[in-house]
Amino acid sequence: MLREIQNTRQIAGESPRRWFHSSEMDLIVWLSSAADDEIIGFQLCYDKVRGEKALHWKADRGFSHMDVDDGEDTAGKHKASPLLMPDGAFDSQAVQRRFSCAAQTLPDDIRNFVENKLGQAF
């Protein structure tokens, strides 16, 4: 189940965000302002154990789907920072099913919004 990380670090100059986490996925949601709950973007990271992927949605840009290179496979070097690399393969139905199971503890407005957007992805 996704659980909210309390006191998520907010970055000056960026929209406020909320972060929800489980062992299998992370959901970061950006809001229009701290006083307004309007969602203007989200990033859903999934398959964290098997080969992490990230689905991004932003109101002004739409969807993108990325593969997460965790920086672990750099021979002879220390761990590098994770990088997002383009990845076109997105199984929307499978991700929707897994998100719906994990999202039962999310606030209704966030869960419903993300589920609706997942149904529109690609």
N, C-alpha and C. Protein backbone atom coordinates (compact mmCIF):
# COMPACT_ATOMS: atom_id res chain seq x y z
N MET A 1 0.83 -1.18 0.00
CA MET A 1 0.00 0.00 0.00
C MET A 1 0.88 1.26 0.00
N LEU A 2 0.46 2.22 -0.77
CA LEU A 2 1.16 3.50 -0.81
C LEU A 2 0.86 4.29 0.47
N ARG A 3 1.89 4.78 1.08
CA ARG A 3 1.78 5.60 2.30
C ARG A 3 2.46 6.93 2.06
N GLU A 4 1.88 8.00 2.59
CA GLU A 4 2.46 9.32 2.39
C GLU A 4 3.72 9.50 3.23
N ILE A 5 4.75 10.04 2.61
CA ILE A 5 5.95 10.43 3.33
C ILE A 5 5.69 11.82 3.90
N GLN A 6 5.68 11.89 5.20
CA GLN A 6 5.40 13.17 5.86
C GLN A 6 6.60 14.09 5.73
N ASN A 7 6.36 15.38 5.73
CA ASN A 7 7.41 16.39 5.66
C ASN A 7 8.29 16.23 4.43
N THR A 8 7.66 15.94 3.29
CA THR A 8 8.39 15.84 2.03
C THR A 8 9.10 17.16 1.75
N ARG A 9 10.36 17.07 1.37
CA ARG A 9 11.14 18.28 1.10
C ARG A 9 10.52 19.03 -0.06
N GLN A 10 10.29 20.31 0.16
CA GLN A 10 9.77 21.18 -0.88
C GLN A 10 10.94 21.98 -1.45
N ILE A 11 10.96 22.16 -2.76
CA ILE A 11 12.06 22.84 -3.42
C ILE A 11 11.62 24.25 -3.79
N ALA A 12 12.41 25.23 -3.35
CA ALA A 12 12.10 26.63 -3.63
C ALA A 12 11.96 26.84 -5.13
N GLY A 13 10.91 27.54 -5.53
CA GLY A 13 10.68 27.83 -6.93
C GLY A 13 9.89 26.76 -7.66
N GLU A 14 9.68 25.60 -7.04
CA GLU A 14 8.88 24.54 -7.65
C GLU A 14 7.50 24.50 -7.00
N SER A 15 6.57 23.89 -7.69
CA SER A 15 5.24 23.69 -7.13
C SER A 15 5.32 22.77 -5.93
N PRO A 16 4.43 22.95 -4.95
CA PRO A 16 4.42 22.04 -3.80
C PRO A 16 4.13 20.61 -4.25
N ARG A 17 4.68 19.67 -3.51
CA ARG A 17 4.48 18.25 -3.88
C ARG A 17 4.17 17.40 -2.67
N ARG A 18 3.52 16.29 -2.96
CA ARG A 18 3.25 15.24 -1.98
C ARG A 18 3.85 13.96 -2.53
N TRP A 19 4.37 13.12 -1.61
CA TRP A 19 5.06 11.91 -2.03
C TRP A 19 4.47 10.72 -1.28
N PHE A 20 4.10 9.70 -2.06
CA PHE A 20 3.54 8.46 -1.52
C PHE A 20 4.46 7.32 -1.94
N HIS A 21 4.70 6.37 -1.03
CA HIS A 21 5.74 5.35 -1.24
C HIS A 21 5.27 3.97 -0.81
N SER A 22 5.74 2.96 -1.54
CA SER A 22 5.63 1.56 -1.12
C SER A 22 6.88 0.85 -1.63
N SER A 23 7.00 -0.42 -1.34
CA SER A 23 8.17 -1.16 -1.80
C SER A 23 8.16 -1.35 -3.32
N GLU A 24 6.99 -1.28 -3.95
CA GLU A 24 6.87 -1.51 -5.39
C GLU A 24 6.72 -0.24 -6.22
N MET A 25 6.22 0.85 -5.62
CA MET A 25 6.00 2.06 -6.41
C MET A 25 6.10 3.32 -5.56
N ASP A 26 6.34 4.42 -6.25
CA ASP A 26 6.32 5.75 -5.65
C ASP A 26 5.41 6.62 -6.50
N LEU A 27 4.69 7.52 -5.85
CA LEU A 27 3.86 8.49 -6.54
C LEU A 27 4.20 9.87 -5.97
N ILE A 28 4.65 10.75 -6.84
CA ILE A 28 4.88 12.14 -6.45
C ILE A 28 3.86 12.96 -7.21
N VAL A 29 3.14 13.82 -6.46
CA VAL A 29 2.08 14.64 -7.03
C VAL A 29 2.44 16.10 -6.81
N TRP A 30 2.41 16.90 -7.89
CA TRP A 30 2.66 18.33 -7.80
C TRP A 30 1.33 19.06 -7.82
N LEU A 31 1.20 20.05 -6.94
CA LEU A 31 -0.02 20.82 -6.79
C LEU A 31 0.19 22.25 -7.29
N SER A 32 -0.88 22.91 -7.68
CA SER A 32 -0.76 24.27 -8.21
C SER A 32 -0.27 25.25 -7.15
N SER A 33 -0.64 25.03 -5.89
CA SER A 33 -0.15 25.86 -4.79
C SER A 33 -0.38 25.11 -3.49
N ALA A 34 0.25 25.59 -2.41
CA ALA A 34 0.08 24.93 -1.12
C ALA A 34 -1.35 25.04 -0.62
N ALA A 35 -2.05 26.09 -1.01
CA ALA A 35 -3.42 26.31 -0.56
C ALA A 35 -4.45 25.64 -1.46
N ASP A 36 -4.03 25.17 -2.64
CA ASP A 36 -4.94 24.62 -3.63
C ASP A 36 -4.55 23.16 -3.88
N ASP A 37 -5.53 22.29 -3.96
CA ASP A 37 -5.27 20.87 -4.20
C ASP A 37 -5.30 20.49 -5.67
N GLU A 38 -5.28 21.46 -6.59
CA GLU A 38 -5.33 21.14 -8.01
C GLU A 38 -4.03 20.45 -8.42
N ILE A 39 -4.14 19.26 -8.99
CA ILE A 39 -2.97 18.49 -9.42
C ILE A 39 -2.54 18.99 -10.79
N ILE A 40 -1.27 19.40 -10.89
CA ILE A 40 -0.74 19.89 -12.16
C ILE A 40 0.30 18.93 -12.75
N GLY A 41 0.62 17.88 -12.01
CA GLY A 41 1.55 16.89 -12.52
C GLY A 41 1.73 15.75 -11.55
N PHE A 42 2.19 14.61 -12.07
CA PHE A 42 2.56 13.50 -11.19
C PHE A 42 3.61 12.64 -11.87
N GLN A 43 4.32 11.90 -11.05
CA GLN A 43 5.27 10.90 -11.53
C GLN A 43 4.96 9.62 -10.77
N LEU A 44 4.67 8.57 -11.52
CA LEU A 44 4.42 7.26 -10.93
C LEU A 44 5.59 6.36 -11.31
N CYS A 45 6.38 5.97 -10.31
CA CYS A 45 7.49 5.04 -10.52
C CYS A 45 7.00 3.66 -10.09
N TYR A 46 7.22 2.67 -10.93
CA TYR A 46 6.72 1.32 -10.64
C TYR A 46 7.76 0.29 -11.07
N ASP A 47 7.53 -0.97 -10.72
CA ASP A 47 8.49 -2.06 -10.96
C ASP A 47 9.84 -1.75 -10.33
N LYS A 48 9.82 -1.20 -9.12
CA LYS A 48 11.06 -0.78 -8.47
C LYS A 48 12.02 -1.95 -8.24
N VAL A 49 11.50 -3.16 -8.10
CA VAL A 49 12.35 -4.31 -7.83
C VAL A 49 12.85 -4.96 -9.12
N ARG A 50 12.02 -4.99 -10.16
CA ARG A 50 12.33 -5.73 -11.38
C ARG A 50 12.98 -4.90 -12.48
N GLY A 51 12.97 -3.63 -12.40
CA GLY A 51 13.47 -2.77 -13.48
C GLY A 51 12.60 -1.53 -13.54
N GLU A 52 12.91 -0.57 -12.71
CA GLU A 52 12.03 0.57 -12.47
C GLU A 52 11.72 1.38 -13.73
N LYS A 53 10.47 1.78 -13.83
CA LYS A 53 9.95 2.63 -14.90
C LYS A 53 9.28 3.84 -14.25
N ALA A 54 9.15 4.92 -15.01
CA ALA A 54 8.50 6.12 -14.49
C ALA A 54 7.56 6.69 -15.55
N LEU A 55 6.32 6.89 -15.15
CA LEU A 55 5.34 7.56 -16.01
C LEU A 55 5.16 8.97 -15.47
N HIS A 56 5.38 9.95 -16.33
CA HIS A 56 5.20 11.36 -15.97
C HIS A 56 3.97 11.89 -16.68
N TRP A 57 3.24 12.73 -15.98
CA TRP A 57 2.17 13.51 -16.60
C TRP A 57 2.27 14.92 -16.07
N LYS A 58 2.23 15.89 -16.98
CA LYS A 58 2.18 17.31 -16.62
C LYS A 58 1.06 17.94 -17.43
N ALA A 59 0.30 18.82 -16.79
CA ALA A 59 -0.86 19.44 -17.44
C ALA A 59 -0.48 20.13 -18.73
N ASP A 60 0.69 20.75 -18.79
CA ASP A 60 1.08 21.50 -19.98
C ASP A 60 1.85 20.68 -21.01
N ARG A 61 2.19 19.42 -20.70
CA ARG A 61 2.99 18.61 -21.62
C ARG A 61 2.44 17.23 -21.91
N GLY A 62 1.53 16.75 -21.10
CA GLY A 62 1.01 15.40 -21.30
C GLY A 62 1.91 14.34 -20.70
N PHE A 63 1.93 13.17 -21.34
CA PHE A 63 2.61 11.99 -20.80
C PHE A 63 4.00 11.78 -21.39
N SER A 64 4.86 11.18 -20.57
CA SER A 64 6.12 10.60 -21.04
C SER A 64 6.37 9.36 -20.19
N HIS A 65 7.04 8.40 -20.79
CA HIS A 65 7.33 7.14 -20.10
C HIS A 65 8.83 6.90 -20.16
N MET A 66 9.43 6.62 -19.00
CA MET A 66 10.88 6.51 -18.92
C MET A 66 11.30 5.23 -18.22
N ASP A 67 12.48 4.76 -18.58
CA ASP A 67 13.16 3.68 -17.89
C ASP A 67 14.10 4.34 -16.88
N VAL A 68 14.18 3.82 -15.67
CA VAL A 68 15.05 4.39 -14.65
C VAL A 68 16.35 3.58 -14.63
N ASP A 69 17.43 4.22 -15.05
CA ASP A 69 18.77 3.63 -14.94
C ASP A 69 19.26 3.97 -13.54
N ASP A 70 19.36 2.95 -12.68
CA ASP A 70 19.65 3.21 -11.27
C ASP A 70 21.10 3.57 -10.98
N GLY A 71 21.97 3.55 -12.00
CA GLY A 71 23.35 3.94 -11.80
C GLY A 71 24.21 2.86 -11.18
N GLU A 72 23.67 1.65 -11.01
CA GLU A 72 24.39 0.56 -10.36
C GLU A 72 25.34 -0.19 -11.29
N ASP A 73 25.12 -0.15 -12.60
CA ASP A 73 25.87 -0.99 -13.52
C ASP A 73 27.04 -0.30 -14.20
N THR A 74 27.65 0.65 -13.53
CA THR A 74 28.79 1.35 -14.10
C THR A 74 30.05 0.64 -13.63
N ALA A 75 30.66 -0.16 -14.52
CA ALA A 75 31.83 -0.97 -14.16
C ALA A 75 32.99 -0.12 -13.68
N GLY A 76 33.56 -0.52 -12.53
CA GLY A 76 34.74 0.14 -12.01
C GLY A 76 34.50 1.51 -11.42
N LYS A 77 33.24 1.91 -11.27
CA LYS A 77 32.93 3.23 -10.73
C LYS A 77 31.99 3.10 -9.54
N HIS A 78 31.95 4.16 -8.75
CA HIS A 78 30.99 4.21 -7.65
C HIS A 78 29.59 4.39 -8.23
N LYS A 79 28.60 4.08 -7.41
CA LYS A 79 27.21 4.24 -7.85
C LYS A 79 26.98 5.67 -8.35
N ALA A 80 26.37 5.75 -9.51
CA ALA A 80 26.03 7.05 -10.10
C ALA A 80 24.59 7.40 -9.75
N SER A 81 24.22 8.64 -9.98
CA SER A 81 22.83 9.07 -9.76
C SER A 81 21.92 8.39 -10.76
N PRO A 82 20.70 8.07 -10.35
CA PRO A 82 19.75 7.49 -11.30
C PRO A 82 19.46 8.46 -12.45
N LEU A 83 19.25 7.90 -13.63
CA LEU A 83 18.92 8.69 -14.81
C LEU A 83 17.63 8.18 -15.41
N LEU A 84 16.85 9.07 -15.99
CA LEU A 84 15.64 8.69 -16.71
C LEU A 84 15.96 8.62 -18.19
N MET A 85 15.69 7.47 -18.80
CA MET A 85 15.96 7.24 -20.21
C MET A 85 14.64 6.94 -20.91
N PRO A 86 14.45 7.43 -22.14
CA PRO A 86 13.18 7.16 -22.85
C PRO A 86 12.89 5.67 -22.94
N ASP A 87 11.62 5.32 -22.75
CA ASP A 87 11.17 3.94 -22.83
C ASP A 87 9.74 3.95 -23.33
N GLY A 88 9.51 3.47 -24.52
CA GLY A 88 8.19 3.55 -25.12
C GLY A 88 7.21 2.50 -24.66
N ALA A 89 7.69 1.37 -24.12
CA ALA A 89 6.80 0.28 -23.75
C ALA A 89 6.04 0.62 -22.47
N PHE A 90 4.73 0.75 -22.56
CA PHE A 90 3.91 1.05 -21.39
C PHE A 90 2.65 0.21 -21.44
N ASP A 91 2.51 -0.70 -20.48
CA ASP A 91 1.34 -1.55 -20.38
C ASP A 91 0.34 -0.87 -19.44
N SER A 92 -0.48 0.00 -19.99
CA SER A 92 -1.37 0.83 -19.17
C SER A 92 -2.33 0.01 -18.31
N GLN A 93 -2.85 -1.07 -18.85
CA GLN A 93 -3.81 -1.87 -18.08
C GLN A 93 -3.15 -2.53 -16.88
N ALA A 94 -1.96 -3.08 -17.06
CA ALA A 94 -1.25 -3.73 -15.95
C ALA A 94 -0.88 -2.70 -14.88
N VAL A 95 -0.39 -1.55 -15.32
CA VAL A 95 -0.01 -0.51 -14.36
C VAL A 95 -1.24 0.01 -13.63
N GLN A 96 -2.35 0.19 -14.34
CA GLN A 96 -3.60 0.62 -13.71
C GLN A 96 -4.04 -0.36 -12.63
N ARG A 97 -4.01 -1.66 -12.94
CA ARG A 97 -4.43 -2.67 -11.96
C ARG A 97 -3.54 -2.62 -10.71
N ARG A 98 -2.24 -2.56 -10.91
CA ARG A 98 -1.32 -2.55 -9.78
C ARG A 98 -1.46 -1.26 -8.97
N PHE A 99 -1.64 -0.13 -9.67
CA PHE A 99 -1.81 1.13 -8.96
C PHE A 99 -3.09 1.09 -8.14
N SER A 100 -4.19 0.61 -8.70
CA SER A 100 -5.47 0.57 -7.99
C SER A 100 -5.37 -0.25 -6.71
N CYS A 101 -4.64 -1.34 -6.75
CA CYS A 101 -4.44 -2.16 -5.53
C CYS A 101 -3.62 -1.41 -4.49
N ALA A 102 -2.56 -0.73 -4.93
CA ALA A 102 -1.65 -0.04 -4.01
C ALA A 102 -2.23 1.27 -3.51
N ALA A 103 -3.19 1.84 -4.24
CA ALA A 103 -3.67 3.20 -3.96
C ALA A 103 -4.86 3.26 -3.00
N GLN A 104 -5.24 2.15 -2.43
CA GLN A 104 -6.44 2.14 -1.58
C GLN A 104 -6.33 3.08 -0.39
N THR A 105 -5.12 3.39 0.06
CA THR A 105 -4.94 4.25 1.23
C THR A 105 -4.74 5.72 0.85
N LEU A 106 -4.71 6.03 -0.44
CA LEU A 106 -4.51 7.42 -0.88
C LEU A 106 -5.78 8.24 -0.65
N PRO A 107 -5.63 9.56 -0.52
CA PRO A 107 -6.82 10.41 -0.50
C PRO A 107 -7.62 10.19 -1.80
N ASP A 108 -8.94 10.18 -1.67
CA ASP A 108 -9.81 9.87 -2.82
C ASP A 108 -9.52 10.74 -4.04
N ASP A 109 -9.32 12.05 -3.83
CA ASP A 109 -9.12 12.94 -4.97
C ASP A 109 -7.85 12.61 -5.74
N ILE A 110 -6.79 12.26 -5.04
CA ILE A 110 -5.53 11.92 -5.70
C ILE A 110 -5.65 10.57 -6.40
N ARG A 111 -6.20 9.58 -5.69
CA ARG A 111 -6.36 8.24 -6.30
C ARG A 111 -7.22 8.32 -7.56
N ASN A 112 -8.35 9.00 -7.49
CA ASN A 112 -9.25 9.10 -8.63
C ASN A 112 -8.60 9.84 -9.80
N PHE A 113 -7.88 10.91 -9.51
CA PHE A 113 -7.22 11.68 -10.55
C PHE A 113 -6.20 10.83 -11.29
N VAL A 114 -5.32 10.17 -10.54
CA VAL A 114 -4.26 9.36 -11.16
C VAL A 114 -4.86 8.18 -11.91
N GLU A 115 -5.85 7.50 -11.33
CA GLU A 115 -6.50 6.38 -12.05
C GLU A 115 -7.10 6.86 -13.36
N ASN A 116 -7.75 8.02 -13.35
CA ASN A 116 -8.34 8.57 -14.57
C ASN A 116 -7.25 8.86 -15.62
N LYS A 117 -6.17 9.46 -15.20
CA LYS A 117 -5.08 9.77 -16.13
C LYS A 117 -4.42 8.50 -16.66
N LEU A 118 -4.26 7.49 -15.82
CA LEU A 118 -3.68 6.23 -16.31
C LEU A 118 -4.54 5.63 -17.41
N GLY A 119 -5.84 5.81 -17.31
CA GLY A 119 -6.74 5.32 -18.36
C GLY A 119 -6.59 6.09 -19.67
N GLN A 120 -6.00 7.27 -19.62
CA GLN A 120 -5.79 8.09 -20.83
C GLN A 120 -4.38 7.95 -21.41
N ALA A 121 -3.49 7.31 -20.67
CA ALA A 121 -2.08 7.25 -21.06
C ALA A 121 -1.90 6.46 -22.36
N PHE A 122 -1.24 7.04 -23.28
CA PHE A 122 -0.84 6.44 -24.55
C PHE A 122 -1.98 5.68 -25.17
